[in-house]
Amino acid sequence: MRAEVRHTTRLDYSADVVEAVMDVRLGPLTDQDQRVEHFELRVEPHGAVRRYTDGFGNPAHLISLARPHRFVEVVAATELDTLLDDPFRLPAQAPGSLDPRTATDSLQPSELVTLGPEIADLAAPYRSEDLARAFDIAQALMSRVHGLLSYRSSVTTVETSVDEVLRGRAGVCQDFAHLLIALARCLGLPARYVSGYIVQRIQTQTQSGQSQSQTVGPSRGAGASHAWAEVFTPTHGWRGFDPTNNLVANAHYVKVASGRDYHDVAPTRGTYRGEAEEHLTVDVSTRVLD
């Protein structure tokens, strides 16, 4: 599916600030599941932009502004093909083993994905020595998280750990993803956090001379940044599991970056010099191109 994603981040300040630096991960990657055709990053006011690849293989950009300014606007525009029409289909070639660093990063606890006793108890009923069942186990864990947590905004922050999420039993897509990652890691299944977007398709049908439009694609997380988990299994390799929507990620999902948890893939982070209050607004739009 050919799609377009536009992500606009704007920071407004109450007074002039100088020497602002932003580290952004807004440019989707190209891998076996998607192919980026065009990517453009626009920054106002004009600043220096340096592209680099971070330690997890994600495309990233470092933005520096040295002149006084009252706002910063960063617009990331992407056109790409999403290729994963059937996530249940086995790959043409059997997945190879993970390299030691990736295996360590995706199996060990991280700052936001802690592996406490309560997480271990919740994962225990799904433990199996049959590696051929790993994909089915990951799907079962996804459904468990979907049923366990309530989708509710403003009850967690980007600093909320998985233990806190489990106590509150509510959160947003980031929290659903962190809990699924924790459960998978407890069972020895490599798992990582994925940031990205959901692209919905508007499908029009004509019946009895009347046209009816229907939205096709996951509902929760559309129209904003989204997050889910990827789990590595011996049969399918890396596959996305979205506990917020209880869906295996497919061609409606656009991946931007992956890491141990949210801290590794935050869309924007930065600092500035000056005495001013900062106000952040974010706008995300997606559309199908064919």
C-alpha atoms as a PDB file:
ATOM      1  CA  MET A   1       0.000   0.000   0.000  1.00  0.00           C
ATOM      2  CA  ARG A   2       1.408   3.395  -0.995  1.00  0.00           C
ATOM      3  CA  ALA A   3       0.938   5.948   1.750  1.00  0.00           C
ATOM      4  CA  GLU A   4       1.882   9.452   2.802  1.00  0.00           C
ATOM      5  CA  VAL A   5       2.656  10.529   6.364  1.00  0.00           C
ATOM      6  CA  ARG A   6       3.084  14.126   7.497  1.00  0.00           C
ATOM      7  CA  HIS A   7       4.230  14.782  11.071  1.00  0.00           C
ATOM      8  CA  THR A   8       4.424  18.414  12.254  1.00  0.00           C
ATOM      9  CA  THR A   9       6.049  19.338  15.559  1.00  0.00           C
ATOM     10  CA  ARG A  10       5.925  22.955  16.738  1.00  0.00           C
ATOM     11  CA  LEU A  11       7.530  24.480  19.811  1.00  0.00           C
ATOM     12  CA  ASP A  12       6.454  27.997  20.793  1.00  0.00           C
ATOM     13  CA  TYR A  13       8.342  30.013  23.398  1.00  0.00           C
ATOM     14  CA  SER A  14       7.210  32.926  25.564  1.00  0.00           C
ATOM     15  CA  ALA A  15      10.497  34.756  24.924  1.00  0.00           C
ATOM     16  CA  ASP A  16      13.524  34.497  22.654  1.00  0.00           C
ATOM     17  CA  VAL A  17      15.675  31.391  23.122  1.00  0.00           C
ATOM     18  CA  VAL A  18      19.072  30.571  21.633  1.00  0.00           C
ATOM     19  CA  GLU A  19      21.305  27.578  21.028  1.00  0.00           C
ATOM     20  CA  ALA A  20      18.481  25.104  20.642  1.00  0.00           C
ATOM     21  CA  VAL A  21      19.319  21.497  19.829  1.00  0.00           C
ATOM     22  CA  MET A  22      16.788  18.803  18.847  1.00  0.00           C
ATOM     23  CA  ASP A  23      17.338  15.099  18.276  1.00  0.00           C
ATOM     24  CA  VAL A  24      14.490  13.702  16.155  1.00  0.00           C
ATOM     25  CA  ARG A  25      13.396  10.283  14.918  1.00  0.00           C
ATOM     26  CA  LEU A  26      10.685  11.073  12.393  1.00  0.00           C
ATOM     27  CA  GLY A  27      11.929   9.443   9.196  1.00  0.00           C
ATOM     28  CA  PRO A  28      10.581   5.920   8.594  1.00  0.00           C
ATOM     29  CA  LEU A  29      13.158   3.238   7.910  1.00  0.00           C
ATOM     30  CA  THR A  30      13.390   0.926   4.929  1.00  0.00           C
ATOM     31  CA  ASP A  31      13.352  -2.787   5.748  1.00  0.00           C
ATOM     32  CA  GLN A  32      11.708  -5.996   4.555  1.00  0.00           C
ATOM     33  CA  ASP A  33       8.251  -4.701   5.539  1.00  0.00           C
ATOM     34  CA  GLN A  34       8.307  -1.241   3.974  1.00  0.00           C
ATOM     35  CA  ARG A  35      10.192   0.806   1.404  1.00  0.00           C
ATOM     36  CA  VAL A  36      10.594   4.577   1.726  1.00  0.00           C
ATOM     37  CA  GLU A  37      10.282   6.353  -1.636  1.00  0.00           C
ATOM     38  CA  HIS A  38      10.685   9.949  -0.494  1.00  0.00           C
ATOM     39  CA  PHE A  39      11.477  11.701   2.781  1.00  0.00           C
ATOM     40  CA  GLU A  40      11.810  15.410   3.460  1.00  0.00           C
ATOM     41  CA  LEU A  41      12.540  17.192   6.732  1.00  0.00           C
ATOM     42  CA  ARG A  42      11.791  20.931   6.854  1.00  0.00           C
ATOM     43  CA  VAL A  43      12.845  23.144   9.757  1.00  0.00           C
ATOM     44  CA  GLU A  44      11.802  26.743  10.484  1.00  0.00           C
ATOM     45  CA  PRO A  45      13.595  28.949  11.297  1.00  0.00           C
ATOM     46  CA  HIS A  46      16.512  27.695   9.245  1.00  0.00           C
ATOM     47  CA  GLY A  47      19.008  25.584  11.166  1.00  0.00           C
ATOM     48  CA  ALA A  48      21.739  23.025  10.638  1.00  0.00           C
ATOM     49  CA  VAL A  49      20.437  19.485  10.086  1.00  0.00           C
ATOM     50  CA  ARG A  50      22.691  16.429  10.285  1.00  0.00           C
ATOM     51  CA  ARG A  51      21.425  12.963   9.445  1.00  0.00           C
ATOM     52  CA  TYR A  52      22.881   9.972  11.252  1.00  0.00           C
ATOM     53  CA  THR A  53      22.051   6.369  12.150  1.00  0.00           C
ATOM     54  CA  ASP A  54      21.671   5.636  15.853  1.00  0.00           C
ATOM     55  CA  GLY A  55      22.908   2.589  17.744  1.00  0.00           C
ATOM     56  CA  PHE A  56      19.735   0.623  16.958  1.00  0.00           C
ATOM     57  CA  GLY A  57      19.939   1.224  13.203  1.00  0.00           C
ATOM     58  CA  ASN A  58      17.264   3.939  13.145  1.00  0.00           C
ATOM     59  CA  PRO A  59      17.538   6.984  10.866  1.00  0.00           C
ATOM     60  CA  ALA A  60      17.782  10.113  13.017  1.00  0.00           C
ATOM     61  CA  HIS A  61      18.473  13.834  12.613  1.00  0.00           C
ATOM     62  CA  LEU A  62      20.233  16.357  14.826  1.00  0.00           C
ATOM     63  CA  ILE A  63      18.877  19.898  14.438  1.00  0.00           C
ATOM     64  CA  SER A  64      20.824  22.929  15.713  1.00  0.00           C
ATOM     65  CA  LEU A  65      19.613  26.542  15.785  1.00  0.00           C
ATOM     66  CA  ALA A  66      22.143  29.160  16.855  1.00  0.00           C
ATOM     67  CA  ARG A  67      20.129  32.366  16.367  1.00  0.00           C
ATOM     68  CA  PRO A  68      17.475  33.771  18.746  1.00  0.00           C
ATOM     69  CA  HIS A  69      13.984  32.496  17.915  1.00  0.00           C
ATOM     70  CA  ARG A  70      10.459  32.349  19.332  1.00  0.00           C
ATOM     71  CA  PHE A  71       9.378  29.077  17.709  1.00  0.00           C
ATOM     72  CA  VAL A  72      10.657  25.935  16.006  1.00  0.00           C
ATOM     73  CA  GLU A  73       8.580  23.993  13.494  1.00  0.00           C
ATOM     74  CA  VAL A  74       9.731  20.627  12.181  1.00  0.00           C
ATOM     75  CA  VAL A  75       7.754  18.995   9.363  1.00  0.00           C
ATOM     76  CA  ALA A  76       8.568  15.427   8.344  1.00  0.00           C
ATOM     77  CA  ALA A  77       6.902  14.324   5.090  1.00  0.00           C
ATOM     78  CA  THR A  78       7.220  10.719   3.896  1.00  0.00           C
ATOM     79  CA  GLU A  79       5.941   8.688   0.977  1.00  0.00           C
ATOM     80  CA  LEU A  80       6.422   4.941   1.196  1.00  0.00           C
ATOM     81  CA  ASP A  81       5.180   1.477   0.278  1.00  0.00           C
ATOM     82  CA  THR A  82       4.054  -0.832   3.069  1.00  0.00           C
ATOM     83  CA  LEU A  83       4.607  -4.449   2.044  1.00  0.00           C
ATOM     84  CA  LEU A  84       3.384  -6.686   4.860  1.00  0.00           C
ATOM     85  CA  ASP A  85      -0.055  -7.659   3.526  1.00  0.00           C
ATOM     86  CA  ASP A  86      -0.101 -11.002   5.368  1.00  0.00           C
ATOM     87  CA  PRO A  87       1.901 -10.970   8.630  1.00  0.00           C
ATOM     88  CA  PHE A  88       0.994 -14.612   9.321  1.00  0.00           C
ATOM     89  CA  ARG A  89       2.693 -15.871   6.155  1.00  0.00           C
ATOM     90  CA  LEU A  90       6.059 -17.518   6.710  1.00  0.00           C
ATOM     91  CA  PRO A  91       9.033 -15.656   5.216  1.00  0.00           C
ATOM     92  CA  ALA A  92      10.633 -17.035   2.066  1.00  0.00           C
ATOM     93  CA  GLN A  93      13.770 -17.850   4.043  1.00  0.00           C
ATOM     94  CA  ALA A  94      13.932 -19.057   7.622  1.00  0.00           C
ATOM     95  CA  PRO A  95      15.091 -16.280   9.984  1.00  0.00           C
ATOM     96  CA  GLY A  96      18.703 -16.399  11.090  1.00  0.00           C
ATOM     97  CA  SER A  97      19.897 -16.014  14.656  1.00  0.00           C
ATOM     98  CA  LEU A  98      20.034 -12.602  16.287  1.00  0.00           C
ATOM     99  CA  ASP A  99      23.440 -11.056  16.792  1.00  0.00           C
ATOM    100  CA  PRO A 100      24.578 -10.977  20.455  1.00  0.00           C
ATOM    101  CA  ARG A 101      23.980  -7.257  20.949  1.00  0.00           C
ATOM    102  CA  THR A 102      20.448  -7.310  19.524  1.00  0.00           C
ATOM    103  CA  ALA A 103      19.620 -10.418  21.545  1.00  0.00           C
ATOM    104  CA  THR A 104      20.841  -8.757  24.745  1.00  0.00           C
ATOM    105  CA  ASP A 105      18.957  -5.505  24.086  1.00  0.00           C
ATOM    106  CA  SER A 106      15.716  -7.345  23.351  1.00  0.00           C
ATOM    107  CA  LEU A 107      15.852  -9.828  26.245  1.00  0.00           C
ATOM    108  CA  GLN A 108      17.147  -7.809  29.195  1.00  0.00           C
ATOM    109  CA  PRO A 109      15.100  -5.358  31.293  1.00  0.00           C
ATOM    110  CA  SER A 110      15.388  -1.685  30.379  1.00  0.00           C
ATOM    111  CA  GLU A 111      14.590   1.562  32.149  1.00  0.00           C
ATOM    112  CA  LEU A 112      10.859   1.509  31.384  1.00  0.00           C
ATOM    113  CA  VAL A 113      10.471  -2.261  30.863  1.00  0.00           C
ATOM    114  CA  THR A 114      11.210  -3.752  34.257  1.00  0.00           C
ATOM    115  CA  LEU A 115      10.805  -7.493  34.877  1.00  0.00           C
ATOM    116  CA  GLY A 116       9.482  -7.766  38.410  1.00  0.00           C
ATOM    117  CA  PRO A 117       7.773 -10.720  40.141  1.00  0.00           C
ATOM    118  CA  GLU A 118       4.282  -9.588  39.137  1.00  0.00           C
ATOM    119  CA  ILE A 119       5.284  -9.521  35.468  1.00  0.00           C
ATOM    120  CA  ALA A 120       6.848 -12.978  35.787  1.00  0.00           C
ATOM    121  CA  ASP A 121       3.696 -14.387  37.411  1.00  0.00           C
ATOM    122  CA  LEU A 122       1.538 -12.926  34.649  1.00  0.00           C
ATOM    123  CA  ALA A 123       3.758 -14.465  31.953  1.00  0.00           C
ATOM    124  CA  ALA A 124       4.188 -17.885  33.591  1.00  0.00           C
ATOM    125  CA  PRO A 125       1.024 -19.580  32.198  1.00  0.00           C
ATOM    126  CA  TYR A 126       2.277 -18.933  28.643  1.00  0.00           C
ATOM    127  CA  ARG A 127       5.699 -20.527  29.089  1.00  0.00           C
ATOM    128  CA  SER A 128       6.522 -23.306  26.606  1.00  0.00           C
ATOM    129  CA  GLU A 129       9.650 -25.140  25.529  1.00  0.00           C
ATOM    130  CA  ASP A 130       8.222 -25.601  22.026  1.00  0.00           C
ATOM    131  CA  LEU A 131       9.881 -22.843  19.970  1.00  0.00           C
ATOM    132  CA  ALA A 132       7.535 -23.573  17.059  1.00  0.00           C
ATOM    133  CA  ARG A 133       4.733 -22.095  19.202  1.00  0.00           C
ATOM    134  CA  ALA A 134       6.514 -18.790  19.824  1.00  0.00           C
ATOM    135  CA  PHE A 135       4.428 -16.821  17.306  1.00  0.00           C
ATOM    136  CA  ASP A 136       1.173 -18.138  18.787  1.00  0.00           C
ATOM    137  CA  ILE A 137       2.415 -17.362  22.303  1.00  0.00           C
ATOM    138  CA  ALA A 138       3.258 -13.791  21.310  1.00  0.00           C
ATOM    139  CA  GLN A 139      -0.241 -13.411  19.885  1.00  0.00           C
ATOM    140  CA  ALA A 140      -1.764 -14.808  23.081  1.00  0.00           C
ATOM    141  CA  LEU A 141       0.273 -12.373  25.186  1.00  0.00           C
ATOM    142  CA  MET A 142      -0.926  -9.528  22.978  1.00  0.00           C
ATOM    143  CA  SER A 143      -4.552 -10.499  23.572  1.00  0.00           C
ATOM    144  CA  ARG A 144      -3.888 -10.785  27.320  1.00  0.00           C
ATOM    145  CA  VAL A 145      -2.515  -7.246  27.478  1.00  0.00           C
ATOM    146  CA  HIS A 146      -5.400  -5.945  25.366  1.00  0.00           C
ATOM    147  CA  GLY A 147      -7.892  -7.411  27.822  1.00  0.00           C
ATOM    148  CA  LEU A 148      -5.964  -6.456  30.943  1.00  0.00           C
ATOM    149  CA  LEU A 149      -5.456  -2.713  30.326  1.00  0.00           C
ATOM    150  CA  SER A 150      -7.997   0.028  29.723  1.00  0.00           C
ATOM    151  CA  TYR A 151      -7.138   2.529  26.994  1.00  0.00           C
ATOM    152  CA  ARG A 152      -7.137   5.869  28.779  1.00  0.00           C
ATOM    153  CA  SER A 153      -5.155   9.044  28.124  1.00  0.00           C
ATOM    154  CA  SER A 154      -3.667  11.387  30.729  1.00  0.00           C
ATOM    155  CA  VAL A 155      -3.180   8.675  33.375  1.00  0.00           C
ATOM    156  CA  THR A 156       0.444   7.938  32.446  1.00  0.00           C
ATOM    157  CA  THR A 157       3.431   9.869  31.101  1.00  0.00           C
ATOM    158  CA  VAL A 158       6.385   9.021  28.872  1.00  0.00           C
ATOM    159  CA  GLU A 159       8.295   8.203  32.084  1.00  0.00           C
ATOM    160  CA  THR A 160       5.776   5.633  33.395  1.00  0.00           C
ATOM    161  CA  SER A 161       7.354   2.215  33.948  1.00  0.00           C
ATOM    162  CA  VAL A 162       5.661  -1.067  33.163  1.00  0.00           C
ATOM    163  CA  ASP A 163       5.261  -1.848  36.883  1.00  0.00           C
ATOM    164  CA  GLU A 164       3.302   1.380  37.337  1.00  0.00           C
ATOM    165  CA  VAL A 165       1.156   0.568  34.316  1.00  0.00           C
ATOM    166  CA  LEU A 166       0.342  -2.849  35.712  1.00  0.00           C
ATOM    167  CA  ARG A 167      -0.709  -1.348  39.032  1.00  0.00           C
ATOM    168  CA  GLY A 168      -2.981   1.207  37.366  1.00  0.00           C
ATOM    169  CA  ARG A 169      -4.278  -1.178  34.668  1.00  0.00           C
ATOM    170  CA  ALA A 170      -4.710   1.727  32.233  1.00  0.00           C
ATOM    171  CA  GLY A 171      -2.677   3.752  29.761  1.00  0.00           C
ATOM    172  CA  VAL A 172      -2.050   4.564  26.118  1.00  0.00           C
ATOM    173  CA  CYS A 173      -0.332   2.709  23.282  1.00  0.00           C
ATOM    174  CA  GLN A 174       3.143   3.199  24.779  1.00  0.00           C
ATOM    175  CA  ASP A 175       2.031   1.486  27.986  1.00  0.00           C
ATOM    176  CA  PHE A 176       0.341  -1.417  26.185  1.00  0.00           C
ATOM    177  CA  ALA A 177       3.535  -1.972  24.176  1.00  0.00           C
ATOM    178  CA  HIS A 178       5.799  -1.861  27.242  1.00  0.00           C
ATOM    179  CA  LEU A 179       3.720  -4.461  29.064  1.00  0.00           C
ATOM    180  CA  LEU A 180       3.726  -6.838  26.099  1.00  0.00           C
ATOM    181  CA  ILE A 181       7.505  -6.443  25.749  1.00  0.00           C
ATOM    182  CA  ALA A 182       7.980  -7.231  29.450  1.00  0.00           C
ATOM    183  CA  LEU A 183       5.876 -10.407  29.241  1.00  0.00           C
ATOM    184  CA  ALA A 184       7.691 -11.622  26.129  1.00  0.00           C
ATOM    185  CA  ARG A 185      11.118 -11.003  27.643  1.00  0.00           C
ATOM    186  CA  CYS A 186      10.122 -12.900  30.781  1.00  0.00           C
ATOM    187  CA  LEU A 187       9.488 -15.925  28.552  1.00  0.00           C
ATOM    188  CA  GLY A 188      12.804 -15.573  26.711  1.00  0.00           C
ATOM    189  CA  LEU A 189      11.199 -14.136  23.578  1.00  0.00           C
ATOM    190  CA  PRO A 190      13.228 -11.214  22.160  1.00  0.00           C
ATOM    191  CA  ALA A 191      11.006  -8.132  22.032  1.00  0.00           C
ATOM    192  CA  ARG A 192      11.492  -4.468  21.157  1.00  0.00           C
ATOM    193  CA  TYR A 193       9.526  -1.226  21.162  1.00  0.00           C
ATOM    194  CA  VAL A 194       8.409   0.247  17.821  1.00  0.00           C
ATOM    195  CA  SER A 195       7.273   3.801  17.133  1.00  0.00           C
ATOM    196  CA  GLY A 196       5.307   4.685  14.029  1.00  0.00           C
ATOM    197  CA  TYR A 197       1.884   5.406  12.582  1.00  0.00           C
ATOM    198  CA  ILE A 198      -1.339   3.752  11.511  1.00  0.00           C
ATOM    199  CA  VAL A 199      -2.648   4.482   8.017  1.00  0.00           C
ATOM    200  CA  GLN A 200      -6.383   4.039   7.489  1.00  0.00           C
ATOM    201  CA  ARG A 201      -8.007   3.620   4.093  1.00  0.00           C
ATOM    202  CA  ILE A 202     -11.367   5.169   3.189  1.00  0.00           C
ATOM    203  CA  GLN A 203     -13.271   2.578   1.165  1.00  0.00           C
ATOM    204  CA  THR A 204     -16.367   3.616  -0.782  1.00  0.00           C
ATOM    205  CA  GLN A 205     -19.063   1.135  -1.748  1.00  0.00           C
ATOM    206  CA  THR A 206     -22.123   1.760  -3.910  1.00  0.00           C
ATOM    207  CA  GLN A 207     -25.317  -0.079  -3.094  1.00  0.00           C
ATOM    208  CA  SER A 208     -28.741   0.643  -4.597  1.00  0.00           C
ATOM    209  CA  GLY A 209     -27.390   3.809  -6.164  1.00  0.00           C
ATOM    210  CA  GLN A 210     -26.086   5.182  -2.854  1.00  0.00           C
ATOM    211  CA  SER A 211     -22.423   5.566  -1.907  1.00  0.00           C
ATOM    212  CA  GLN A 212     -21.258   4.595   1.550  1.00  0.00           C
ATOM    213  CA  SER A 213     -17.798   5.271   2.939  1.00  0.00           C
ATOM    214  CA  GLN A 214     -16.116   2.940   5.388  1.00  0.00           C
ATOM    215  CA  THR A 215     -12.830   3.354   7.234  1.00  0.00           C
ATOM    216  CA  VAL A 216     -10.560   0.321   6.918  1.00  0.00           C
ATOM    217  CA  GLY A 217      -7.701  -0.157   9.355  1.00  0.00           C
ATOM    218  CA  PRO A 218      -7.019  -0.115  13.099  1.00  0.00           C
ATOM    219  CA  SER A 219      -8.906   2.563  15.025  1.00  0.00           C
ATOM    220  CA  ARG A 220      -6.894   3.249  18.174  1.00  0.00           C
ATOM    221  CA  GLY A 221      -3.783   5.268  17.422  1.00  0.00           C
ATOM    222  CA  ALA A 222      -4.847   6.543  14.012  1.00  0.00           C
ATOM    223  CA  GLY A 223      -4.222  10.239  13.413  1.00  0.00           C
ATOM    224  CA  ALA A 224      -1.326  10.398  15.881  1.00  0.00           C
ATOM    225  CA  SER A 225       1.993   8.775  16.652  1.00  0.00           C
ATOM    226  CA  HIS A 226       1.494   5.129  17.589  1.00  0.00           C
ATOM    227  CA  ALA A 227       3.522   2.416  19.304  1.00  0.00           C
ATOM    228  CA  TRP A 228       3.523  -1.368  19.376  1.00  0.00           C
ATOM    229  CA  ALA A 229       5.916  -4.241  20.042  1.00  0.00           C
ATOM    230  CA  GLU A 230       7.904  -6.505  17.756  1.00  0.00           C
ATOM    231  CA  VAL A 231       8.679 -10.048  18.880  1.00  0.00           C
ATOM    232  CA  PHE A 232      11.289 -12.275  17.253  1.00  0.00           C
ATOM    233  CA  THR A 233      10.223 -15.877  16.692  1.00  0.00           C
ATOM    234  CA  PRO A 234      12.110 -18.746  15.017  1.00  0.00           C
ATOM    235  CA  THR A 235       9.333 -19.144  12.430  1.00  0.00           C
ATOM    236  CA  HIS A 236       8.565 -15.541  11.395  1.00  0.00           C
ATOM    237  CA  GLY A 237      11.526 -13.453  12.544  1.00  0.00           C
ATOM    238  CA  TRP A 238      10.548  -9.969  13.711  1.00  0.00           C
ATOM    239  CA  ARG A 239       6.788  -9.399  13.610  1.00  0.00           C
ATOM    240  CA  GLY A 240       4.752  -6.548  15.056  1.00  0.00           C
ATOM    241  CA  PHE A 241       2.096  -7.138  17.709  1.00  0.00           C
ATOM    242  CA  ASP A 242      -0.196  -4.236  18.600  1.00  0.00           C
ATOM    243  CA  PRO A 243      -1.911  -4.887  21.963  1.00  0.00           C
ATOM    244  CA  THR A 244      -3.715  -1.536  21.819  1.00  0.00           C
ATOM    245  CA  ASN A 245      -5.793  -2.833  18.883  1.00  0.00           C
ATOM    246  CA  ASN A 246      -5.183  -6.568  19.487  1.00  0.00           C
ATOM    247  CA  LEU A 247      -3.825  -6.941  15.964  1.00  0.00           C
ATOM    248  CA  VAL A 248      -0.717  -8.374  14.359  1.00  0.00           C
ATOM    249  CA  ALA A 249       0.865  -5.427  12.535  1.00  0.00           C
ATOM    250  CA  ASN A 250       0.204  -5.422   8.788  1.00  0.00           C
ATOM    251  CA  ALA A 251       0.333  -3.074   5.806  1.00  0.00           C
ATOM    252  CA  HIS A 252      -1.612  -0.404   7.728  1.00  0.00           C
ATOM    253  CA  TYR A 253       1.398   0.092  10.029  1.00  0.00           C
ATOM    254  CA  VAL A 254       4.323   2.413   9.254  1.00  0.00           C
ATOM    255  CA  LYS A 255       7.475   1.815  11.313  1.00  0.00           C
ATOM    256  CA  VAL A 256       9.717   4.745  12.219  1.00  0.00           C
ATOM    257  CA  ALA A 257      12.165   3.412  14.799  1.00  0.00           C
ATOM    258  CA  SER A 258      12.738   0.550  17.239  1.00  0.00           C
ATOM    259  CA  GLY A 259      14.597   0.218  20.528  1.00  0.00           C
ATOM    260  CA  ARG A 260      14.540  -1.239  24.024  1.00  0.00           C
ATOM    261  CA  ASP A 261      11.683   1.046  25.118  1.00  0.00           C
ATOM    262  CA  TYR A 262      10.235   4.500  24.452  1.00  0.00           C
ATOM    263  CA  HIS A 263      13.368   6.297  25.652  1.00  0.00           C
ATOM    264  CA  ASP A 264      15.344   4.936  22.676  1.00  0.00           C
ATOM    265  CA  VAL A 265      12.883   6.117  20.014  1.00  0.00           C
ATOM    266  CA  ALA A 266      11.246   9.332  21.280  1.00  0.00           C
ATOM    267  CA  PRO A 267      10.141  11.335  18.197  1.00  0.00           C
ATOM    268  CA  THR A 268      11.765  14.516  19.518  1.00  0.00           C
ATOM    269  CA  ARG A 269      13.956  15.474  22.434  1.00  0.00           C
ATOM    270  CA  GLY A 270      16.160  18.465  22.964  1.00  0.00           C
ATOM    271  CA  THR A 271      17.233  21.470  24.958  1.00  0.00           C
ATOM    272  CA  TYR A 272      17.533  25.238  24.597  1.00  0.00           C
ATOM    273  CA  ARG A 273      19.197  28.149  26.358  1.00  0.00           C
ATOM    274  CA  GLY A 274      16.973  30.952  27.551  1.00  0.00           C
ATOM    275  CA  GLU A 275      14.373  31.890  30.145  1.00  0.00           C
ATOM    276  CA  ALA A 276      11.087  31.064  28.452  1.00  0.00           C
ATOM    277  CA  GLU A 277       8.113  28.778  28.784  1.00  0.00           C
ATOM    278  CA  GLU A 278       7.735  26.151  26.068  1.00  0.00           C
ATOM    279  CA  HIS A 279       4.483  25.006  24.447  1.00  0.00           C
ATOM    280  CA  LEU A 280       4.429  21.870  22.276  1.00  0.00           C
ATOM    281  CA  THR A 281       1.860  21.032  19.581  1.00  0.00           C
ATOM    282  CA  VAL A 282       1.940  17.974  17.321  1.00  0.00           C
ATOM    283  CA  ASP A 283      -0.135  17.206  14.251  1.00  0.00           C
ATOM    284  CA  VAL A 284      -0.054  13.911  12.331  1.00  0.00           C
ATOM    285  CA  SER A 285      -1.882  13.172   9.093  1.00  0.00           C
ATOM    286  CA  THR A 286      -1.781  10.026   6.941  1.00  0.00           C
ATOM    287  CA  ARG A 287      -3.420   9.049   3.678  1.00  0.00           C
ATOM    288  CA  VAL A 288      -3.354   6.269   1.129  1.00  0.00           C
ATOM    289  CA  LEU A 289      -1.928   7.322  -2.234  1.00  0.00           C
ATOM    290  CA  ASP A 290      -3.395   4.558  -4.422  1.00  0.00           C
END
